[in-house]
Amino acid sequence: MGYYIVRIRTDTWDRLRDLQRLYDLDVFGQTAKQLADGSFEVQGVLAGERIEFLSGKGYRIEVLADAEDIAKERLKDVAGPDGEPEDRSDQ
């Protein structure tokens, strides 16, 4: 399974904090917030099997993008004509 950029929602701030504290997940702490309905969310990067695991623990997970596809697209943006990354050390 691949890696995905996800939005993770839960019902308490403590459960949101547990994502890093207990599960050591790669979450983007600056995106953590409380929603109007009282739930909490944060974005992060998860492997497919972690999505299944956390879903089983009651977290609601929305896949936003395939992280590997984004990485490939960004590599194209910086690649030279021969497909190799350009040397930008003089910039």
N, C-alpha and C. Protein backbone atom coordinates (compact mmCIF):
# COMPACT_ATOMS: atom_id res chain seq x y z
N MET A 1 0.84 -1.19 0.00
CA MET A 1 0.00 0.00 0.00
C MET A 1 0.88 1.25 0.00
N GLY A 2 0.36 2.31 -0.58
CA GLY A 2 1.11 3.54 -0.70
C GLY A 2 0.90 4.48 0.48
N TYR A 3 1.36 5.70 0.27
CA TYR A 3 1.20 6.76 1.27
C TYR A 3 0.21 7.80 0.75
N TYR A 4 -0.57 8.35 1.68
CA TYR A 4 -1.64 9.26 1.31
C TYR A 4 -1.63 10.49 2.21
N ILE A 5 -1.98 11.61 1.62
CA ILE A 5 -2.23 12.82 2.41
C ILE A 5 -3.68 12.73 2.83
N VAL A 6 -3.90 12.85 4.14
CA VAL A 6 -5.23 12.59 4.69
C VAL A 6 -5.67 13.70 5.64
N ARG A 7 -6.95 13.73 5.88
CA ARG A 7 -7.56 14.55 6.92
C ARG A 7 -8.13 13.55 7.94
N ILE A 8 -7.72 13.70 9.19
CA ILE A 8 -8.15 12.79 10.25
C ILE A 8 -9.06 13.56 11.20
N ARG A 9 -10.24 13.00 11.48
CA ARG A 9 -11.19 13.65 12.39
C ARG A 9 -11.51 12.73 13.55
N THR A 10 -11.73 13.37 14.70
CA THR A 10 -12.11 12.63 15.90
C THR A 10 -12.94 13.53 16.81
N ASP A 11 -13.46 12.95 17.88
CA ASP A 11 -14.40 13.68 18.72
C ASP A 11 -13.78 14.45 19.86
N THR A 12 -12.51 14.20 20.22
CA THR A 12 -11.90 14.93 21.33
C THR A 12 -10.49 15.38 20.97
N TRP A 13 -10.06 16.46 21.64
CA TRP A 13 -8.70 16.97 21.45
C TRP A 13 -7.67 15.94 21.90
N ASP A 14 -7.96 15.22 22.99
CA ASP A 14 -7.03 14.21 23.48
C ASP A 14 -6.79 13.11 22.45
N ARG A 15 -7.85 12.67 21.79
CA ARG A 15 -7.68 11.64 20.76
C ARG A 15 -6.88 12.18 19.58
N LEU A 16 -7.04 13.44 19.27
CA LEU A 16 -6.25 14.04 18.20
C LEU A 16 -4.77 14.06 18.59
N ARG A 17 -4.48 14.46 19.81
CA ARG A 17 -3.09 14.47 20.30
C ARG A 17 -2.50 13.06 20.35
N ASP A 18 -3.34 12.07 20.60
CA ASP A 18 -2.87 10.68 20.65
C ASP A 18 -2.26 10.23 19.33
N LEU A 19 -2.64 10.86 18.24
CA LEU A 19 -2.11 10.46 16.94
C LEU A 19 -0.59 10.54 16.93
N GLN A 20 -0.04 11.57 17.52
CA GLN A 20 1.42 11.68 17.61
C GLN A 20 1.96 10.99 18.85
N ARG A 21 1.31 11.19 19.96
CA ARG A 21 1.82 10.69 21.24
C ARG A 21 1.81 9.16 21.30
N LEU A 22 0.71 8.53 20.91
CA LEU A 22 0.60 7.07 21.01
C LEU A 22 0.99 6.34 19.73
N TYR A 23 0.64 6.94 18.60
CA TYR A 23 0.82 6.23 17.33
C TYR A 23 2.00 6.74 16.52
N ASP A 24 2.66 7.83 16.98
CA ASP A 24 3.84 8.38 16.33
C ASP A 24 3.61 8.59 14.82
N LEU A 25 2.51 9.25 14.50
CA LEU A 25 2.16 9.48 13.10
C LEU A 25 2.74 10.79 12.59
N ASP A 26 2.89 10.86 11.28
CA ASP A 26 3.38 12.07 10.61
C ASP A 26 2.20 12.98 10.34
N VAL A 27 1.85 13.79 11.35
CA VAL A 27 0.73 14.72 11.20
C VAL A 27 1.26 16.14 11.12
N PHE A 28 0.50 17.00 10.45
CA PHE A 28 0.87 18.40 10.28
C PHE A 28 0.20 19.19 11.40
N GLY A 29 0.91 19.35 12.52
CA GLY A 29 0.34 19.96 13.72
C GLY A 29 -0.28 21.32 13.48
N GLN A 30 0.28 22.10 12.54
CA GLN A 30 -0.25 23.43 12.28
C GLN A 30 -1.64 23.40 11.66
N THR A 31 -2.09 22.22 11.19
CA THR A 31 -3.42 22.12 10.59
C THR A 31 -4.47 21.68 11.60
N ALA A 32 -4.07 21.37 12.83
CA ALA A 32 -5.02 20.91 13.85
C ALA A 32 -6.00 22.03 14.21
N LYS A 33 -7.26 21.66 14.26
CA LYS A 33 -8.28 22.66 14.62
C LYS A 33 -9.55 21.99 15.10
N GLN A 34 -10.37 22.79 15.77
CA GLN A 34 -11.69 22.35 16.18
C GLN A 34 -12.69 22.85 15.14
N LEU A 35 -13.60 21.98 14.76
CA LEU A 35 -14.61 22.32 13.75
C LEU A 35 -15.88 22.84 14.41
N ALA A 36 -16.74 23.43 13.62
CA ALA A 36 -17.98 24.03 14.13
C ALA A 36 -18.86 23.01 14.85
N ASP A 37 -18.80 21.75 14.42
CA ASP A 37 -19.63 20.72 15.05
C ASP A 37 -19.03 20.18 16.35
N GLY A 38 -17.86 20.73 16.77
CA GLY A 38 -17.23 20.31 18.02
C GLY A 38 -16.19 19.21 17.85
N SER A 39 -16.08 18.63 16.65
CA SER A 39 -15.06 17.62 16.41
C SER A 39 -13.72 18.29 16.11
N PHE A 40 -12.67 17.50 16.02
CA PHE A 40 -11.32 18.00 15.80
C PHE A 40 -10.73 17.31 14.58
N GLU A 41 -9.84 18.03 13.88
CA GLU A 41 -9.20 17.42 12.71
C GLU A 41 -7.76 17.89 12.57
N VAL A 42 -6.99 17.08 11.86
CA VAL A 42 -5.62 17.40 11.53
C VAL A 42 -5.31 16.69 10.21
N GLN A 43 -4.37 17.24 9.46
CA GLN A 43 -3.94 16.60 8.23
C GLN A 43 -2.60 15.93 8.46
N GLY A 44 -2.29 14.95 7.63
CA GLY A 44 -1.03 14.25 7.76
C GLY A 44 -0.79 13.31 6.60
N VAL A 45 0.26 12.53 6.72
CA VAL A 45 0.62 11.53 5.71
C VAL A 45 0.55 10.17 6.39
N LEU A 46 -0.22 9.26 5.79
CA LEU A 46 -0.37 7.92 6.36
C LEU A 46 -0.19 6.86 5.29
N ALA A 47 0.38 5.74 5.70
CA ALA A 47 0.42 4.56 4.85
C ALA A 47 -0.98 3.94 4.84
N GLY A 48 -1.29 3.25 3.78
CA GLY A 48 -2.61 2.64 3.65
C GLY A 48 -3.00 1.76 4.82
N GLU A 49 -2.06 0.97 5.33
CA GLU A 49 -2.39 0.08 6.45
C GLU A 49 -2.66 0.87 7.73
N ARG A 50 -2.04 2.04 7.89
CA ARG A 50 -2.31 2.89 9.05
C ARG A 50 -3.71 3.50 8.96
N ILE A 51 -4.15 3.79 7.74
CA ILE A 51 -5.51 4.30 7.54
C ILE A 51 -6.51 3.26 8.04
N GLU A 52 -6.30 2.01 7.65
CA GLU A 52 -7.19 0.94 8.08
C GLU A 52 -7.15 0.77 9.61
N PHE A 53 -5.95 0.81 10.18
CA PHE A 53 -5.79 0.66 11.63
C PHE A 53 -6.52 1.76 12.38
N LEU A 54 -6.30 3.02 11.99
CA LEU A 54 -6.93 4.14 12.69
C LEU A 54 -8.44 4.17 12.48
N SER A 55 -8.89 3.77 11.31
CA SER A 55 -10.33 3.68 11.08
C SER A 55 -10.95 2.69 12.05
N GLY A 56 -10.26 1.59 12.28
CA GLY A 56 -10.72 0.58 13.23
C GLY A 56 -10.74 1.10 14.66
N LYS A 57 -9.93 2.12 14.96
CA LYS A 57 -9.89 2.74 16.29
C LYS A 57 -10.92 3.86 16.42
N GLY A 58 -11.73 4.09 15.38
CA GLY A 58 -12.79 5.09 15.46
C GLY A 58 -12.46 6.45 14.88
N TYR A 59 -11.28 6.61 14.30
CA TYR A 59 -10.94 7.87 13.64
C TYR A 59 -11.61 7.89 12.26
N ARG A 60 -12.06 9.07 11.85
CA ARG A 60 -12.66 9.24 10.53
C ARG A 60 -11.58 9.82 9.62
N ILE A 61 -11.27 9.12 8.56
CA ILE A 61 -10.15 9.50 7.70
C ILE A 61 -10.64 9.73 6.28
N GLU A 62 -10.27 10.89 5.77
CA GLU A 62 -10.59 11.27 4.39
C GLU A 62 -9.27 11.36 3.63
N VAL A 63 -9.15 10.60 2.55
CA VAL A 63 -7.95 10.66 1.73
C VAL A 63 -8.07 11.87 0.81
N LEU A 64 -7.07 12.76 0.89
CA LEU A 64 -7.07 13.97 0.08
C LEU A 64 -6.28 13.80 -1.21
N ALA A 65 -5.19 13.03 -1.15
CA ALA A 65 -4.34 12.84 -2.33
C ALA A 65 -3.40 11.67 -2.10
N ASP A 66 -2.90 11.13 -3.20
CA ASP A 66 -1.88 10.09 -3.15
C ASP A 66 -0.53 10.80 -3.07
N ALA A 67 0.18 10.63 -1.97
CA ALA A 67 1.45 11.33 -1.75
C ALA A 67 2.48 10.96 -2.81
N GLU A 68 2.48 9.74 -3.28
CA GLU A 68 3.45 9.31 -4.29
C GLU A 68 3.18 10.00 -5.63
N ASP A 69 1.91 10.19 -5.98
CA ASP A 69 1.58 10.91 -7.21
C ASP A 69 2.04 12.36 -7.14
N ILE A 70 1.85 12.98 -5.98
CA ILE A 70 2.28 14.36 -5.80
C ILE A 70 3.79 14.46 -5.92
N ALA A 71 4.50 13.52 -5.31
CA ALA A 71 5.97 13.53 -5.39
C ALA A 71 6.44 13.40 -6.84
N LYS A 72 5.80 12.53 -7.61
CA LYS A 72 6.17 12.36 -9.03
C LYS A 72 5.91 13.64 -9.82
N GLU A 73 4.79 14.30 -9.55
CA GLU A 73 4.47 15.55 -10.25
C GLU A 73 5.48 16.64 -9.90
N ARG A 74 5.85 16.73 -8.65
CA ARG A 74 6.82 17.76 -8.24
C ARG A 74 8.20 17.48 -8.82
N LEU A 75 8.55 16.21 -8.96
CA LEU A 75 9.83 15.86 -9.57
C LEU A 75 9.85 16.31 -11.03
N LYS A 76 8.71 16.17 -11.71
CA LYS A 76 8.62 16.64 -13.10
C LYS A 76 8.84 18.14 -13.17
N ASP A 77 8.34 18.87 -12.17
CA ASP A 77 8.46 20.33 -12.16
C ASP A 77 9.91 20.79 -12.06
N VAL A 78 10.76 20.00 -11.41
CA VAL A 78 12.15 20.40 -11.24
C VAL A 78 13.10 19.65 -12.16
N ALA A 79 12.58 18.75 -12.97
CA ALA A 79 13.42 17.95 -13.86
C ALA A 79 13.83 18.74 -15.09
N GLY A 80 15.04 18.49 -15.54
CA GLY A 80 15.54 19.10 -16.77
C GLY A 80 15.00 18.36 -17.98
N PRO A 81 15.45 18.72 -19.18
CA PRO A 81 14.96 18.12 -20.41
C PRO A 81 15.20 16.61 -20.51
N ASP A 82 16.24 16.12 -19.85
CA ASP A 82 16.54 14.68 -19.91
C ASP A 82 15.85 13.89 -18.79
N GLY A 83 15.02 14.57 -18.00
CA GLY A 83 14.27 13.89 -16.94
C GLY A 83 14.99 13.87 -15.61
N GLU A 84 16.25 14.33 -15.59
CA GLU A 84 17.01 14.38 -14.35
C GLU A 84 16.77 15.73 -13.66
N PRO A 85 16.78 15.76 -12.34
CA PRO A 85 16.64 17.05 -11.63
C PRO A 85 17.74 18.01 -12.07
N GLU A 86 17.35 19.26 -12.29
CA GLU A 86 18.32 20.28 -12.71
C GLU A 86 19.22 20.67 -11.55
N ASP A 87 20.46 21.05 -11.86
CA ASP A 87 21.38 21.55 -10.83
C ASP A 87 21.05 23.01 -10.59
N ARG A 88 20.55 23.31 -9.40
CA ARG A 88 20.17 24.68 -9.06
C ARG A 88 21.06 25.23 -7.96
N SER A 89 22.27 24.70 -7.85
CA SER A 89 23.16 25.10 -6.76
C SER A 89 23.65 26.54 -6.90
N ASP A 90 23.60 27.10 -8.11
CA ASP A 90 24.08 28.49 -8.29
C ASP A 90 22.97 29.51 -8.09
N GLN A 91 21.79 29.09 -7.72
CA GLN A 91 20.67 30.02 -7.54
C GLN A 91 20.46 30.37 -6.11
